[in-house]
Protein backbone atom coordinates (compact mmCIF):
# COMPACT_ATOMS: atom_id res chain seq x y z
CA MET A 1 -1.87 -2.27 -13.10
CA GLU A 2 -4.58 -4.67 -14.33
CA LEU A 3 -5.93 -5.18 -10.78
CA ILE A 4 -6.15 -1.36 -10.27
CA GLN A 5 -8.02 -0.92 -13.56
CA ARG A 6 -10.65 -3.48 -12.47
CA PHE A 7 -11.61 -1.58 -9.38
CA ILE A 8 -11.09 2.10 -10.33
CA ARG A 9 -13.08 3.93 -12.95
CA PRO A 10 -11.04 5.04 -15.95
CA GLU A 11 -11.92 8.66 -15.30
CA VAL A 12 -10.20 8.52 -11.92
CA LEU A 13 -7.09 6.92 -13.41
CA ILE A 14 -6.42 9.95 -15.62
CA PHE A 15 -6.69 12.57 -12.83
CA ASP A 16 -3.69 14.74 -12.37
CA PRO A 17 -2.21 14.24 -8.93
CA TYR A 18 -2.70 17.13 -6.44
CA SER A 19 0.19 19.42 -6.36
CA PRO A 20 0.34 21.42 -3.06
CA GLY A 21 1.35 25.10 -3.21
CA LEU A 22 4.49 26.47 -1.78
CA SER A 23 4.72 27.09 1.99
CA ILE A 24 5.01 30.62 3.28
CA ASP A 25 8.74 30.03 3.96
CA GLU A 26 9.33 28.73 0.44
CA ILE A 27 7.47 31.79 -1.05
CA ARG A 28 9.50 34.20 1.09
CA GLU A 29 12.69 32.57 -0.04
CA LYS A 30 11.79 32.16 -3.71
CA TYR A 31 10.51 35.74 -4.17
CA LYS A 32 12.74 37.44 -1.60
CA LEU A 33 9.77 38.81 0.40
CA ASN A 34 9.56 39.68 4.02
CA ASN A 35 5.75 39.66 4.49
CA VAL A 36 3.57 36.95 2.92
CA ILE A 37 -0.17 36.35 3.32
CA LYS A 38 -1.00 33.02 1.81
CA MET A 39 -4.57 32.80 0.45
CA ALA A 40 -4.22 29.21 -1.00
CA SER A 41 -4.19 25.69 0.39
CA ASN A 42 -7.34 26.27 2.39
CA GLU A 43 -5.36 28.06 5.14
CA ASN A 44 -6.75 30.89 7.27
CA PRO A 45 -4.47 33.98 6.90
CA LEU A 46 -5.91 35.26 10.23
CA GLY A 47 -4.57 32.32 12.18
CA VAL A 48 -6.27 30.33 14.94
CA SER A 49 -9.22 32.02 16.49
CA PRO A 50 -9.04 32.91 20.17
CA VAL A 51 -11.99 30.58 20.89
CA VAL A 52 -10.06 27.64 19.40
CA GLN A 53 -6.89 28.62 21.25
CA GLU A 54 -8.75 28.63 24.60
CA THR A 55 -10.40 25.30 23.81
CA ILE A 56 -6.90 23.84 23.08
CA LYS A 57 -5.51 25.23 26.28
CA ARG A 58 -8.39 23.92 28.31
CA ASN A 59 -8.12 20.43 26.83
CA ALA A 60 -4.25 20.26 26.62
CA PRO A 61 -3.98 18.14 29.86
CA LEU A 62 -5.98 15.35 28.10
CA SER A 63 -3.96 15.35 24.89
CA PHE A 64 -2.21 12.12 25.90
CA ARG A 65 -5.47 10.26 25.34
CA TYR A 66 -6.76 8.90 22.03
CA PRO A 67 -9.97 10.60 20.90
CA SER A 68 -13.14 8.58 20.26
CA ALA A 69 -12.94 7.02 16.84
CA GLY A 70 -15.20 8.64 14.33
CA ASN A 71 -15.99 11.64 16.60
CA PRO A 72 -19.43 10.34 17.70
CA GLU A 73 -20.32 13.54 19.68
CA LEU A 74 -19.86 15.64 16.49
CA CYS A 75 -21.80 13.11 14.41
CA ARG A 76 -24.64 13.11 16.88
CA ALA A 77 -24.71 16.97 16.90
CA LEU A 78 -24.58 17.11 13.08
CA GLY A 79 -27.29 14.47 12.86
CA LEU A 80 -29.59 16.38 15.17
CA TYR A 81 -28.97 19.63 13.35
CA LEU A 82 -29.48 18.12 9.87
CA GLY A 83 -32.26 15.71 10.89
CA VAL A 84 -30.11 12.78 9.67
CA ASP A 85 -29.23 9.46 11.37
CA PRO A 86 -25.80 10.07 12.96
CA GLY A 87 -24.77 6.59 11.56
CA ARG A 88 -24.88 8.10 8.10
CA ILE A 89 -22.40 10.86 8.96
CA VAL A 90 -18.59 10.37 8.60
CA CYS A 91 -16.28 12.87 10.30
CA GLY A 92 -12.56 13.05 9.67
CA ASN A 93 -9.45 15.20 9.92
CA GLY A 94 -9.88 16.91 6.62
CA SER A 95 -10.83 15.53 3.19
CA ASP A 96 -7.62 13.60 2.84
CA GLU A 97 -8.49 11.35 5.74
CA ILE A 98 -12.08 10.75 4.40
CA ILE A 99 -10.69 9.88 0.94
CA ASP A 100 -8.11 7.56 2.59
CA LEU A 101 -10.94 5.88 4.50
CA LEU A 102 -13.00 5.49 1.32
CA ILE A 103 -10.11 3.87 -0.45
CA ARG A 104 -9.50 1.51 2.45
CA ILE A 105 -13.11 0.36 2.35
């Protein structure tokens, strides 16, 4: 524990851990409901947009390939849009991955 305290601010050490909400199936079972629309956990109750579904279908044949690390195409586009050097932008698969990358650094 002493090593952790040397590198992590005390305010961070006292954070309560994140507690994810129940899944839709767990809510149905717990409350005996047939229809549940979940508005928590940053989920979209409308589902995947048709544009995203079509993009997934179009790119499915390439899903056996690893993507480019760091998503350079997205970083370039964001950099151009924001007027920022793309090297200063970090893209990830959600905030959990970015936090994990920061901890690994």
